[in-house]
Amino acid sequence: MSIKPSLEVVLVDIRSVHNAGSIFRTADAVGVSKIYCGGVTPAPIDRFGRKRTDFTKVSLGAEESVAWEQVSDVPSLIARFKSEGRKIICVEQDTKAVDYKTVHISTENAVLVVGNEVEGLDT
């Protein structure tokens, strides 16, 4: 059985519903296969099972075409991806970060991890 190459995204503690919605919209445009909403990241459906109109307004309905899942344990999810041999690519603003414009990264079977708008990712 062959595995279809995919790019998945993990959103960790994104605070703004507008930022989460715009990431969904962009992910849809570039062919992301699935988005995981972790921590406090707003999901397209609220905790009462209602569709979030503020989310949909920004995402332009991308939550209908990109698979998504709310996850409570991001470290276990990342550990599972690592055990599957997936490439973990963290988007981070840090003095040790590699400028994305200077390196070619294959996104085949990769997971892109995006952290909080202010604090980034917990190390």
PDB file of N, CA and C in Angstrom:
ATOM      1  N   MET A   1       0.843  -1.169   0.000  1.00  0.00           N
ATOM      2  CA  MET A   1       0.000   0.000   0.000  1.00  0.00           C
ATOM      3  C   MET A   1       0.890   1.234   0.000  1.00  0.00           C
ATOM      4  N   SER A   2       0.592   2.185  -0.866  1.00  0.00           N
ATOM      5  CA  SER A   2       1.382   3.411  -0.889  1.00  0.00           C
ATOM      6  C   SER A   2       0.677   4.488  -0.073  1.00  0.00           C
ATOM      7  N   ILE A   3       1.484   5.356   0.510  1.00  0.00           N
ATOM      8  CA  ILE A   3       0.958   6.441   1.306  1.00  0.00           C
ATOM      9  C   ILE A   3       0.963   7.707   0.467  1.00  0.00           C
ATOM     10  N   LYS A   4      -0.176   8.370   0.408  1.00  0.00           N
ATOM     11  CA  LYS A   4      -0.268   9.613  -0.346  1.00  0.00           C
ATOM     12  C   LYS A   4       0.463  10.709   0.424  1.00  0.00           C
ATOM     13  N   PRO A   5       1.401  11.396  -0.222  1.00  0.00           N
ATOM     14  CA  PRO A   5       2.088  12.494   0.461  1.00  0.00           C
ATOM     15  C   PRO A   5       1.085  13.544   0.930  1.00  0.00           C
ATOM     16  N   SER A   6       1.339  14.068   2.115  1.00  0.00           N
ATOM     17  CA  SER A   6       0.408  15.065   2.625  1.00  0.00           C
ATOM     18  C   SER A   6       1.131  16.097   3.477  1.00  0.00           C
ATOM     19  N   LEU A   7       0.500  17.226   3.603  1.00  0.00           N
ATOM     20  CA  LEU A   7       0.960  18.266   4.510  1.00  0.00           C
ATOM     21  C   LEU A   7      -0.183  18.520   5.476  1.00  0.00           C
ATOM     22  N   GLU A   8       0.100  18.389   6.742  1.00  0.00           N
ATOM     23  CA  GLU A   8      -0.881  18.673   7.775  1.00  0.00           C
ATOM     24  C   GLU A   8      -0.356  19.815   8.625  1.00  0.00           C
ATOM     25  N   VAL A   9      -1.263  20.511   9.306  1.00  0.00           N
ATOM     26  CA  VAL A   9      -0.904  21.673  10.107  1.00  0.00           C
ATOM     27  C   VAL A   9      -1.443  21.487  11.515  1.00  0.00           C
ATOM     28  N   VAL A  10      -0.604  21.813  12.503  1.00  0.00           N
ATOM     29  CA  VAL A  10      -1.026  21.808  13.897  1.00  0.00           C
ATOM     30  C   VAL A  10      -0.965  23.245  14.394  1.00  0.00           C
ATOM     31  N   LEU A  11      -2.094  23.753  14.843  1.00  0.00           N
ATOM     32  CA  LEU A  11      -2.171  25.097  15.404  1.00  0.00           C
ATOM     33  C   LEU A  11      -2.170  24.957  16.921  1.00  0.00           C
ATOM     34  N   VAL A  12      -1.195  25.598  17.574  1.00  0.00           N
ATOM     35  CA  VAL A  12      -1.031  25.457  19.016  1.00  0.00           C
ATOM     36  C   VAL A  12      -1.287  26.795  19.703  1.00  0.00           C
ATOM     37  N   ASP A  13      -2.361  26.865  20.446  1.00  0.00           N
ATOM     38  CA  ASP A  13      -2.699  28.048  21.251  1.00  0.00           C
ATOM     39  C   ASP A  13      -2.784  29.342  20.450  1.00  0.00           C
ATOM     40  N   ILE A  14      -3.318  29.252  19.240  1.00  0.00           N
ATOM     41  CA  ILE A  14      -3.613  30.469  18.478  1.00  0.00           C
ATOM     42  C   ILE A  14      -4.757  31.166  19.223  1.00  0.00           C
ATOM     43  N   ARG A  15      -4.602  32.432  19.539  1.00  0.00           N
ATOM     44  CA  ARG A  15      -5.611  33.138  20.344  1.00  0.00           C
ATOM     45  C   ARG A  15      -6.729  33.754  19.520  1.00  0.00           C
ATOM     46  N   SER A  16      -6.425  34.248  18.344  1.00  0.00           N
ATOM     47  CA  SER A  16      -7.387  35.005  17.560  1.00  0.00           C
ATOM     48  C   SER A  16      -8.193  34.105  16.620  1.00  0.00           C
ATOM     49  N   VAL A  17      -9.506  34.219  16.695  1.00  0.00           N
ATOM     50  CA  VAL A  17     -10.356  33.480  15.773  1.00  0.00           C
ATOM     51  C   VAL A  17     -10.093  33.927  14.336  1.00  0.00           C
ATOM     52  N   HIS A  18      -9.746  35.181  14.150  1.00  0.00           N
ATOM     53  CA  HIS A  18      -9.435  35.674  12.810  1.00  0.00           C
ATOM     54  C   HIS A  18      -8.142  35.057  12.282  1.00  0.00           C
ATOM     55  N   ASN A  19      -7.140  34.925  13.127  1.00  0.00           N
ATOM     56  CA  ASN A  19      -5.891  34.287  12.688  1.00  0.00           C
ATOM     57  C   ASN A  19      -6.127  32.816  12.342  1.00  0.00           C
ATOM     58  N   ALA A  20      -6.870  32.112  13.188  1.00  0.00           N
ATOM     59  CA  ALA A  20      -7.160  30.697  12.919  1.00  0.00           C
ATOM     60  C   ALA A  20      -7.940  30.561  11.611  1.00  0.00           C
ATOM     61  N   GLY A  21      -8.947  31.400  11.428  1.00  0.00           N
ATOM     62  CA  GLY A  21      -9.737  31.343  10.200  1.00  0.00           C
ATOM     63  C   GLY A  21      -8.917  31.630   8.958  1.00  0.00           C
ATOM     64  N   SER A  22      -8.012  32.604   9.055  1.00  0.00           N
ATOM     65  CA  SER A  22      -7.187  32.927   7.883  1.00  0.00           C
ATOM     66  C   SER A  22      -6.181  31.815   7.594  1.00  0.00           C
ATOM     67  N   ILE A  23      -5.723  31.119   8.619  1.00  0.00           N
ATOM     68  CA  ILE A  23      -4.830  29.978   8.390  1.00  0.00           C
ATOM     69  C   ILE A  23      -5.600  28.870   7.672  1.00  0.00           C
ATOM     70  N   PHE A  24      -6.847  28.638   8.064  1.00  0.00           N
ATOM     71  CA  PHE A  24      -7.670  27.656   7.359  1.00  0.00           C
ATOM     72  C   PHE A  24      -7.812  28.034   5.887  1.00  0.00           C
ATOM     73  N   ARG A  25      -8.082  29.300   5.623  1.00  0.00           N
ATOM     74  CA  ARG A  25      -8.268  29.770   4.252  1.00  0.00           C
ATOM     75  C   ARG A  25      -6.993  29.558   3.430  1.00  0.00           C
ATOM     76  N   THR A  26      -5.847  29.915   4.009  1.00  0.00           N
ATOM     77  CA  THR A  26      -4.570  29.733   3.318  1.00  0.00           C
ATOM     78  C   THR A  26      -4.260  28.255   3.120  1.00  0.00           C
ATOM     79  N   ALA A  27      -4.531  27.449   4.142  1.00  0.00           N
ATOM     80  CA  ALA A  27      -4.286  26.011   4.052  1.00  0.00           C
ATOM     81  C   ALA A  27      -5.101  25.384   2.931  1.00  0.00           C
ATOM     82  N   ASP A  28      -6.328  25.831   2.784  1.00  0.00           N
ATOM     83  CA  ASP A  28      -7.173  25.335   1.706  1.00  0.00           C
ATOM     84  C   ASP A  28      -6.564  25.692   0.347  1.00  0.00           C
ATOM     85  N   ALA A  29      -6.040  26.884   0.237  1.00  0.00           N
ATOM     86  CA  ALA A  29      -5.468  27.343  -1.033  1.00  0.00           C
ATOM     87  C   ALA A  29      -4.220  26.565  -1.432  1.00  0.00           C
ATOM     88  N   VAL A  30      -3.437  26.101  -0.459  1.00  0.00           N
ATOM     89  CA  VAL A  30      -2.182  25.411  -0.787  1.00  0.00           C
ATOM     90  C   VAL A  30      -2.287  23.892  -0.692  1.00  0.00           C
ATOM     91  N   GLY A  31      -3.477  23.360  -0.417  1.00  0.00           N
ATOM     92  CA  GLY A  31      -3.670  21.920  -0.453  1.00  0.00           C
ATOM     93  C   GLY A  31      -3.351  21.169   0.823  1.00  0.00           C
ATOM     94  N   VAL A  32      -3.409  21.822   1.968  1.00  0.00           N
ATOM     95  CA  VAL A  32      -3.207  21.125   3.248  1.00  0.00           C
ATOM     96  C   VAL A  32      -4.311  20.085   3.405  1.00  0.00           C
ATOM     97  N   SER A  33      -3.936  18.889   3.861  1.00  0.00           N
ATOM     98  CA  SER A  33      -4.923  17.815   3.952  1.00  0.00           C
ATOM     99  C   SER A  33      -5.695  17.819   5.275  1.00  0.00           C
ATOM    100  N   LYS A  34      -5.085  18.332   6.356  1.00  0.00           N
ATOM    101  CA  LYS A  34      -5.788  18.340   7.641  1.00  0.00           C
ATOM    102  C   LYS A  34      -5.160  19.370   8.565  1.00  0.00           C
ATOM    103  N   ILE A  35      -6.013  19.983   9.388  1.00  0.00           N
ATOM    104  CA  ILE A  35      -5.568  20.940  10.399  1.00  0.00           C
ATOM    105  C   ILE A  35      -5.999  20.423  11.761  1.00  0.00           C
ATOM    106  N   TYR A  36      -5.073  20.464  12.722  1.00  0.00           N
ATOM    107  CA  TYR A  36      -5.362  20.105  14.106  1.00  0.00           C
ATOM    108  C   TYR A  36      -5.371  21.387  14.931  1.00  0.00           C
ATOM    109  N   CYS A  37      -6.451  21.630  15.648  1.00  0.00           N
ATOM    110  CA  CYS A  37      -6.572  22.804  16.516  1.00  0.00           C
ATOM    111  C   CYS A  37      -6.274  22.363  17.937  1.00  0.00           C
ATOM    112  N   GLY A  38      -5.125  22.816  18.473  1.00  0.00           N
ATOM    113  CA  GLY A  38      -4.710  22.397  19.801  1.00  0.00           C
ATOM    114  C   GLY A  38      -4.729  23.531  20.805  1.00  0.00           C
ATOM    115  N   GLY A  39      -4.863  23.166  22.073  1.00  0.00           N
ATOM    116  CA  GLY A  39      -4.869  24.165  23.137  1.00  0.00           C
ATOM    117  C   GLY A  39      -6.082  25.061  23.023  1.00  0.00           C
ATOM    118  N   VAL A  40      -5.856  26.379  23.091  1.00  0.00           N
ATOM    119  CA  VAL A  40      -6.956  27.342  23.054  1.00  0.00           C
ATOM    120  C   VAL A  40      -7.314  27.794  21.635  1.00  0.00           C
ATOM    121  N   THR A  41      -6.723  27.172  20.638  1.00  0.00           N
ATOM    122  CA  THR A  41      -6.999  27.563  19.256  1.00  0.00           C
ATOM    123  C   THR A  41      -8.487  27.449  18.950  1.00  0.00           C
ATOM    124  N   PRO A  42      -9.090  28.525  18.452  1.00  0.00           N
ATOM    125  CA  PRO A  42     -10.506  28.458  18.095  1.00  0.00           C
ATOM    126  C   PRO A  42     -10.733  27.483  16.946  1.00  0.00           C
ATOM    127  N   ALA A  43     -11.767  26.681  17.075  1.00  0.00           N
ATOM    128  CA  ALA A  43     -12.139  25.741  16.025  1.00  0.00           C
ATOM    129  C   ALA A  43     -13.372  26.276  15.293  1.00  0.00           C
ATOM    130  N   PRO A  44     -13.660  25.733  14.121  1.00  0.00           N
ATOM    131  CA  PRO A  44     -14.832  26.195  13.368  1.00  0.00           C
ATOM    132  C   PRO A  44     -16.167  25.950  14.084  1.00  0.00           C
ATOM    133  N   ILE A  45     -16.187  24.990  14.984  1.00  0.00           N
ATOM    134  CA  ILE A  45     -17.382  24.663  15.757  1.00  0.00           C
ATOM    135  C   ILE A  45     -17.093  25.003  17.223  1.00  0.00           C
ATOM    136  N   ASP A  46     -18.003  25.717  17.889  1.00  0.00           N
ATOM    137  CA  ASP A  46     -17.764  26.077  19.284  1.00  0.00           C
ATOM    138  C   ASP A  46     -18.020  24.895  20.221  1.00  0.00           C
ATOM    139  N   ARG A  47     -17.794  25.092  21.494  1.00  0.00           N
ATOM    140  CA  ARG A  47     -17.902  23.996  22.465  1.00  0.00           C
ATOM    141  C   ARG A  47     -19.325  23.488  22.637  1.00  0.00           C
ATOM    142  N   PHE A  48     -20.297  24.214  22.107  1.00  0.00           N
ATOM    143  CA  PHE A  48     -21.695  23.789  22.165  1.00  0.00           C
ATOM    144  C   PHE A  48     -22.148  23.121  20.864  1.00  0.00           C
ATOM    145  N   GLY A  49     -21.197  22.934  19.927  1.00  0.00           N
ATOM    146  CA  GLY A  49     -21.502  22.276  18.667  1.00  0.00           C
ATOM    147  C   GLY A  49     -22.090  23.193  17.611  1.00  0.00           C
ATOM    148  N   ARG A  50     -22.002  24.497  17.845  1.00  0.00           N
ATOM    149  CA  ARG A  50     -22.528  25.458  16.878  1.00  0.00           C
ATOM    150  C   ARG A  50     -21.415  25.958  15.964  1.00  0.00           C
ATOM    151  N   LYS A  51     -21.792  26.186  14.698  1.00  0.00           N
ATOM    152  CA  LYS A  51     -20.856  26.752  13.738  1.00  0.00           C
ATOM    153  C   LYS A  51     -20.530  28.185  14.148  1.00  0.00           C
ATOM    154  N   ARG A  52     -19.235  28.532  14.129  1.00  0.00           N
ATOM    155  CA  ARG A  52     -18.811  29.892  14.496  1.00  0.00           C
ATOM    156  C   ARG A  52     -18.883  30.791  13.266  1.00  0.00           C
ATOM    157  N   THR A  53     -19.805  31.741  13.284  1.00  0.00           N
ATOM    158  CA  THR A  53     -19.958  32.630  12.133  1.00  0.00           C
ATOM    159  C   THR A  53     -18.758  33.554  11.982  1.00  0.00           C
ATOM    160  N   ASP A  54     -18.122  33.945  13.115  1.00  0.00           N
ATOM    161  CA  ASP A  54     -16.937  34.799  13.020  1.00  0.00           C
ATOM    162  C   ASP A  54     -15.783  34.056  12.364  1.00  0.00           C
ATOM    163  N   PHE A  55     -15.692  32.768  12.607  1.00  0.00           N
ATOM    164  CA  PHE A  55     -14.653  31.936  11.993  1.00  0.00           C
ATOM    165  C   PHE A  55     -14.910  31.820  10.486  1.00  0.00           C
ATOM    166  N   THR A  56     -16.139  31.463  10.134  1.00  0.00           N
ATOM    167  CA  THR A  56     -16.503  31.266   8.734  1.00  0.00           C
ATOM    168  C   THR A  56     -16.339  32.537   7.918  1.00  0.00           C
ATOM    169  N   LYS A  57     -16.611  33.679   8.539  1.00  0.00           N
ATOM    170  CA  LYS A  57     -16.470  34.956   7.832  1.00  0.00           C
ATOM    171  C   LYS A  57     -15.033  35.156   7.346  1.00  0.00           C
ATOM    172  N   VAL A  58     -14.067  34.760   8.170  1.00  0.00           N
ATOM    173  CA  VAL A  58     -12.653  34.930   7.813  1.00  0.00           C
ATOM    174  C   VAL A  58     -12.149  33.771   6.953  1.00  0.00           C
ATOM    175  N   SER A  59     -12.561  32.557   7.276  1.00  0.00           N
ATOM    176  CA  SER A  59     -12.062  31.380   6.544  1.00  0.00           C
ATOM    177  C   SER A  59     -12.694  31.235   5.164  1.00  0.00           C
ATOM    178  N   LEU A  60     -13.767  31.968   4.929  1.00  0.00           N
ATOM    179  CA  LEU A  60     -14.521  31.879   3.673  1.00  0.00           C
ATOM    180  C   LEU A  60     -14.995  30.451   3.399  1.00  0.00           C
ATOM    181  N   GLY A  61     -15.295  29.711   4.477  1.00  0.00           N
ATOM    182  CA  GLY A  61     -15.831  28.361   4.340  1.00  0.00           C
ATOM    183  C   GLY A  61     -14.791  27.274   4.150  1.00  0.00           C
ATOM    184  N   ALA A  62     -13.518  27.597   4.320  1.00  0.00           N
ATOM    185  CA  ALA A  62     -12.460  26.597   4.112  1.00  0.00           C
ATOM    186  C   ALA A  62     -12.578  25.410   5.067  1.00  0.00           C
ATOM    187  N   GLU A  63     -13.227  25.612   6.210  1.00  0.00           N
ATOM    188  CA  GLU A  63     -13.388  24.506   7.163  1.00  0.00           C
ATOM    189  C   GLU A  63     -14.280  23.401   6.595  1.00  0.00           C
ATOM    190  N   GLU A  64     -14.999  23.714   5.511  1.00  0.00           N
ATOM    191  CA  GLU A  64     -15.832  22.713   4.846  1.00  0.00           C
ATOM    192  C   GLU A  64     -15.024  21.859   3.871  1.00  0.00           C
ATOM    193  N   SER A  65     -13.882  22.349   3.409  1.00  0.00           N
ATOM    194  CA  SER A  65     -13.100  21.602   2.423  1.00  0.00           C
ATOM    195  C   SER A  65     -11.768  21.075   2.961  1.00  0.00           C
ATOM    196  N   VAL A  66     -11.334  21.552   4.114  1.00  0.00           N
ATOM    197  CA  VAL A  66     -10.118  21.041   4.752  1.00  0.00           C
ATOM    198  C   VAL A  66     -10.535  20.269   6.003  1.00  0.00           C
ATOM    199  N   ALA A  67     -10.101  19.028   6.081  1.00  0.00           N
ATOM    200  CA  ALA A  67     -10.411  18.224   7.270  1.00  0.00           C
ATOM    201  C   ALA A  67      -9.762  18.877   8.489  1.00  0.00           C
ATOM    202  N   TRP A  68     -10.433  18.806   9.633  1.00  0.00           N
ATOM    203  CA  TRP A  68      -9.862  19.381  10.846  1.00  0.00           C
ATOM    204  C   TRP A  68     -10.303  18.566  12.053  1.00  0.00           C
ATOM    205  N   GLU A  69      -9.550  18.752  13.125  1.00  0.00           N
ATOM    206  CA  GLU A  69      -9.832  18.028  14.364  1.00  0.00           C
ATOM    207  C   GLU A  69      -9.358  18.866  15.538  1.00  0.00           C
ATOM    208  N   GLN A  70     -10.153  18.914  16.591  1.00  0.00           N
ATOM    209  CA  GLN A  70      -9.753  19.575  17.839  1.00  0.00           C
ATOM    210  C   GLN A  70      -8.986  18.535  18.650  1.00  0.00           C
ATOM    211  N   VAL A  71      -7.790  18.887  19.126  1.00  0.00           N
ATOM    212  CA  VAL A  71      -6.991  17.952  19.921  1.00  0.00           C
ATOM    213  C   VAL A  71      -6.651  18.581  21.274  1.00  0.00           C
ATOM    214  N   SER A  72      -6.646  17.735  22.297  1.00  0.00           N
ATOM    215  CA  SER A  72      -6.353  18.239  23.632  1.00  0.00           C
ATOM    216  C   SER A  72      -4.907  17.978  24.049  1.00  0.00           C
ATOM    217  N   ASP A  73      -4.252  17.007  23.417  1.00  0.00           N
ATOM    218  CA  ASP A  73      -2.899  16.631  23.817  1.00  0.00           C
ATOM    219  C   ASP A  73      -1.945  16.771  22.628  1.00  0.00           C
ATOM    220  N   VAL A  74      -1.467  17.997  22.417  1.00  0.00           N
ATOM    221  CA  VAL A  74      -0.583  18.271  21.274  1.00  0.00           C
ATOM    222  C   VAL A  74       0.737  17.497  21.368  1.00  0.00           C
ATOM    223  N   PRO A  75       1.393  17.438  22.547  1.00  0.00           N
ATOM    224  CA  PRO A  75       2.651  16.672  22.603  1.00  0.00           C
ATOM    225  C   PRO A  75       2.495  15.210  22.163  1.00  0.00           C
ATOM    226  N   SER A  76       1.406  14.567  22.532  1.00  0.00           N
ATOM    227  CA  SER A  76       1.185  13.175  22.103  1.00  0.00           C
ATOM    228  C   SER A  76       0.951  13.093  20.598  1.00  0.00           C
ATOM    229  N   LEU A  77       0.262  14.079  20.054  1.00  0.00           N
ATOM    230  CA  LEU A  77       0.030  14.125  18.606  1.00  0.00           C
ATOM    231  C   LEU A  77       1.355  14.248  17.866  1.00  0.00           C
ATOM    232  N   ILE A  78       2.212  15.154  18.328  1.00  0.00           N
ATOM    233  CA  ILE A  78       3.532  15.338  17.701  1.00  0.00           C
ATOM    234  C   ILE A  78       4.362  14.067  17.839  1.00  0.00           C
ATOM    235  N   ALA A  79       4.307  13.428  19.004  1.00  0.00           N
ATOM    236  CA  ALA A  79       5.045  12.167  19.214  1.00  0.00           C
ATOM    237  C   ALA A  79       4.559  11.097  18.232  1.00  0.00           C
ATOM    238  N   ARG A  80       3.258  11.038  18.000  1.00  0.00           N
ATOM    239  CA  ARG A  80       2.717  10.072  17.040  1.00  0.00           C
ATOM    240  C   ARG A  80       3.238  10.359  15.638  1.00  0.00           C
ATOM    241  N   PHE A  81       3.248  11.631  15.257  1.00  0.00           N
ATOM    242  CA  PHE A  81       3.763  11.985  13.932  1.00  0.00           C
ATOM    243  C   PHE A  81       5.231  11.589  13.805  1.00  0.00           C
ATOM    244  N   LYS A  82       6.017  11.841  14.845  1.00  0.00           N
ATOM    245  CA  LYS A  82       7.439  11.467  14.809  1.00  0.00           C
ATOM    246  C   LYS A  82       7.597   9.963  14.657  1.00  0.00           C
ATOM    247  N   SER A  83       6.791   9.187  15.381  1.00  0.00           N
ATOM    248  CA  SER A  83       6.897   7.726  15.302  1.00  0.00           C
ATOM    249  C   SER A  83       6.496   7.204  13.925  1.00  0.00           C
ATOM    250  N   GLU A  84       5.681   7.980  13.214  1.00  0.00           N
ATOM    251  CA  GLU A  84       5.287   7.618  11.848  1.00  0.00           C
ATOM    252  C   GLU A  84       6.326   8.052  10.821  1.00  0.00           C
ATOM    253  N   GLY A  85       7.397   8.705  11.283  1.00  0.00           N
ATOM    254  CA  GLY A  85       8.451   9.149  10.378  1.00  0.00           C
ATOM    255  C   GLY A  85       8.115  10.439   9.646  1.00  0.00           C
ATOM    256  N   ARG A  86       7.139  11.181  10.143  1.00  0.00           N
ATOM    257  CA  ARG A  86       6.758  12.446   9.518  1.00  0.00           C
ATOM    258  C   ARG A  86       7.802  13.511   9.820  1.00  0.00           C
ATOM    259  N   LYS A  87       7.963  14.459   8.899  1.00  0.00           N
ATOM    260  CA  LYS A  87       8.851  15.597   9.128  1.00  0.00           C
ATOM    261  C   LYS A  87       8.072  16.645   9.905  1.00  0.00           C
ATOM    262  N   ILE A  88       8.634  17.109  11.013  1.00  0.00           N
ATOM    263  CA  ILE A  88       8.001  18.130  11.843  1.00  0.00           C
ATOM    264  C   ILE A  88       8.704  19.455  11.540  1.00  0.00           C
ATOM    265  N   ILE A  89       7.954  20.430  11.034  1.00  0.00           N
ATOM    266  CA  ILE A  89       8.503  21.738  10.693  1.00  0.00           C
ATOM    267  C   ILE A  89       7.797  22.770  11.568  1.00  0.00           C
ATOM    268  N   CYS A  90       8.556  23.427  12.421  1.00  0.00           N
ATOM    269  CA  CYS A  90       7.983  24.414  13.328  1.00  0.00           C
ATOM    270  C   CYS A  90       8.200  25.820  12.781  1.00  0.00           C
ATOM    271  N   VAL A  91       7.128  26.586  12.758  1.00  0.00           N
ATOM    272  CA  VAL A  91       7.200  27.977  12.322  1.00  0.00           C
ATOM    273  C   VAL A  91       7.406  28.797  13.584  1.00  0.00           C
ATOM    274  N   GLU A  92       8.535  29.499  13.661  1.00  0.00           N
ATOM    275  CA  GLU A  92       8.902  30.175  14.898  1.00  0.00           C
ATOM    276  C   GLU A  92       9.741  31.403  14.612  1.00  0.00           C
ATOM    277  N   GLN A  93       9.532  32.425  15.395  1.00  0.00           N
ATOM    278  CA  GLN A  93      10.399  33.598  15.340  1.00  0.00           C
ATOM    279  C   GLN A  93      11.341  33.504  16.531  1.00  0.00           C
ATOM    280  N   ASP A  94      12.565  33.150  16.254  1.00  0.00           N
ATOM    281  CA  ASP A  94      13.559  32.947  17.297  1.00  0.00           C
ATOM    282  C   ASP A  94      14.919  33.270  16.699  1.00  0.00           C
ATOM    283  N   THR A  95      15.849  33.671  17.537  1.00  0.00           N
ATOM    284  CA  THR A  95      17.181  33.998  17.033  1.00  0.00           C
ATOM    285  C   THR A  95      17.868  32.793  16.404  1.00  0.00           C
ATOM    286  N   LYS A  96      17.471  31.573  16.815  1.00  0.00           N
ATOM    287  CA  LYS A  96      18.064  30.359  16.260  1.00  0.00           C
ATOM    288  C   LYS A  96      17.279  29.800  15.077  1.00  0.00           C
ATOM    289  N   ALA A  97      16.175  30.444  14.722  1.00  0.00           N
ATOM    290  CA  ALA A  97      15.345  29.959  13.621  1.00  0.00           C
ATOM    291  C   ALA A  97      16.046  30.156  12.284  1.00  0.00           C
ATOM    292  N   VAL A  98      15.748  29.281  11.348  1.00  0.00           N
ATOM    293  CA  VAL A  98      16.277  29.370   9.990  1.00  0.00           C
ATOM    294  C   VAL A  98      15.289  30.181   9.158  1.00  0.00           C
ATOM    295  N   ASP A  99      15.777  31.168   8.451  1.00  0.00           N
ATOM    296  CA  ASP A  99      14.927  31.996   7.604  1.00  0.00           C
ATOM    297  C   ASP A  99      14.336  31.119   6.504  1.00  0.00           C
ATOM    298  N   TYR A 100      13.006  31.070   6.436  1.00  0.00           N
ATOM    299  CA  TYR A 100      12.345  30.201   5.465  1.00  0.00           C
ATOM    300  C   TYR A 100      12.709  30.549   4.023  1.00  0.00           C
ATOM    301  N   LYS A 101      13.156  31.770   3.766  1.00  0.00           N
ATOM    302  CA  LYS A 101      13.513  32.169   2.404  1.00  0.00           C
ATOM    303  C   LYS A 101      14.870  31.614   1.977  1.00  0.00           C
ATOM    304  N   THR A 102      15.644  31.082   2.905  1.00  0.00           N
ATOM    305  CA  THR A 102      16.983  30.615   2.575  1.00  0.00           C
ATOM    306  C   THR A 102      17.102  29.101   2.451  1.00  0.00           C
ATOM    307  N   VAL A 103      16.029  28.384   2.664  1.00  0.00           N
ATOM    308  CA  VAL A 103      16.115  26.925   2.651  1.00  0.00           C
ATOM    309  C   VAL A 103      14.917  26.329   1.914  1.00  0.00           C
ATOM    310  N   HIS A 104      15.177  25.244   1.188  1.00  0.00           N
ATOM    311  CA  HIS A 104      14.098  24.521   0.512  1.00  0.00           C
ATOM    312  C   HIS A 104      13.711  23.343   1.405  1.00  0.00           C
ATOM    313  N   ILE A 105      12.459  23.312   1.799  1.00  0.00           N
ATOM    314  CA  ILE A 105      11.969  22.233   2.658  1.00  0.00           C
ATOM    315  C   ILE A 105      10.881  21.486   1.908  1.00  0.00           C
ATOM    316  N   SER A 106      11.072  20.195   1.718  1.00  0.00           N
ATOM    317  CA  SER A 106      10.045  19.381   1.095  1.00  0.00           C
ATOM    318  C   SER A 106       8.901  19.201   2.087  1.00  0.00           C
ATOM    319  N   THR A 107       7.700  19.404   1.626  1.00  0.00           N
ATOM    320  CA  THR A 107       6.545  19.253   2.513  1.00  0.00           C
ATOM    321  C   THR A 107       5.888  17.881   2.374  1.00  0.00           C
ATOM    322  N   GLU A 108       6.536  16.977   1.660  1.00  0.00           N
ATOM    323  CA  GLU A 108       5.977  15.647   1.501  1.00  0.00           C
ATOM    324  C   GLU A 108       5.935  14.930   2.845  1.00  0.00           C
ATOM    325  N   ASN A 109       4.752  14.509   3.242  1.00  0.00           N
ATOM    326  CA  ASN A 109       4.548  13.820   4.527  1.00  0.00           C
ATOM    327  C   ASN A 109       5.077  14.638   5.694  1.00  0.00           C
ATOM    328  N   ALA A 110       4.791  15.926   5.665  1.00  0.00           N
ATOM    329  CA  ALA A 110       5.272  16.834   6.705  1.00  0.00           C
ATOM    330  C   ALA A 110       4.120  17.353   7.551  1.00  0.00           C
ATOM    331  N   VAL A 111       4.494  17.822   8.721  1.00  0.00           N
ATOM    332  CA  VAL A 111       3.561  18.462   9.638  1.00  0.00           C
ATOM    333  C   VAL A 111       4.132  19.829   9.967  1.00  0.00           C
ATOM    334  N   LEU A 112       3.355  20.845   9.700  1.00  0.00           N
ATOM    335  CA  LEU A 112       3.740  22.222   9.984  1.00  0.00           C
ATOM    336  C   LEU A 112       3.102  22.606  11.316  1.00  0.00           C
ATOM    337  N   VAL A 113       3.930  23.017  12.280  1.00  0.00           N
ATOM    338  CA  VAL A 113       3.434  23.374  13.603  1.00  0.00           C
ATOM    339  C   VAL A 113       3.553  24.878  13.783  1.00  0.00           C
ATOM    340  N   VAL A 114       2.425  25.537  14.083  1.00  0.00           N
ATOM    341  CA  VAL A 114       2.373  26.981  14.229  1.00  0.00           C
ATOM    342  C   VAL A 114       1.922  27.291  15.657  1.00  0.00           C
ATOM    343  N   GLY A 115       2.695  28.139  16.343  1.00  0.00           N
ATOM    344  CA  GLY A 115       2.390  28.463  17.731  1.00  0.00           C
ATOM    345  C   GLY A 115       1.690  29.779  17.927  1.00  0.00           C
ATOM    346  N   ASN A 116       1.505  30.111  19.175  1.00  0.00           N
ATOM    347  CA  ASN A 116       0.827  31.320  19.622  1.00  0.00           C
ATOM    348  C   ASN A 116       1.417  32.559  18.990  1.00  0.00           C
ATOM    349  N   GLU A 117       0.556  33.526  18.703  1.00  0.00           N
ATOM    350  CA  GLU A 117       0.936  34.764  18.031  1.00  0.00           C
ATOM    351  C   GLU A 117       2.028  35.531  18.764  1.00  0.00           C
ATOM    352  N   VAL A 118       2.020  35.500  20.090  1.00  0.00           N
ATOM    353  CA  VAL A 118       2.989  36.283  20.878  1.00  0.00           C
ATOM    354  C   VAL A 118       4.106  35.402  21.447  1.00  0.00           C
ATOM    355  N   GLU A 119       3.721  34.304  22.047  1.00  0.00           N
ATOM    356  CA  GLU A 119       4.684  33.443  22.749  1.00  0.00           C
ATOM    357  C   GLU A 119       5.319  32.379  21.874  1.00  0.00           C
ATOM    358  N   GLY A 120       4.756  32.123  20.710  1.00  0.00           N
ATOM    359  CA  GLY A 120       5.307  31.083  19.843  1.00  0.00           C
ATOM    360  C   GLY A 120       5.012  29.704  20.375  1.00  0.00           C
ATOM    361  N   LEU A 121       5.976  28.796  20.221  1.00  0.00           N
ATOM    362  CA  LEU A 121       5.830  27.422  20.658  1.00  0.00           C
ATOM    363  C   LEU A 121       6.568  27.196  21.962  1.00  0.00           C
ATOM    364  N   ASP A 122       5.987  26.374  22.810  1.00  0.00           N
ATOM    365  CA  ASP A 122       6.641  25.991  24.062  1.00  0.00           C
ATOM    366  C   ASP A 122       7.714  24.968  23.729  1.00  0.00           C
ATOM    367  N   THR A 123       8.910  25.155  24.230  1.00  0.00           N
ATOM    368  CA  THR A 123       9.996  24.232  23.882  1.00  0.00           C
ATOM    369  C   THR A 123      10.015  22.967  24.670  1.00  0.00           C
TER     370      THR A 123
END
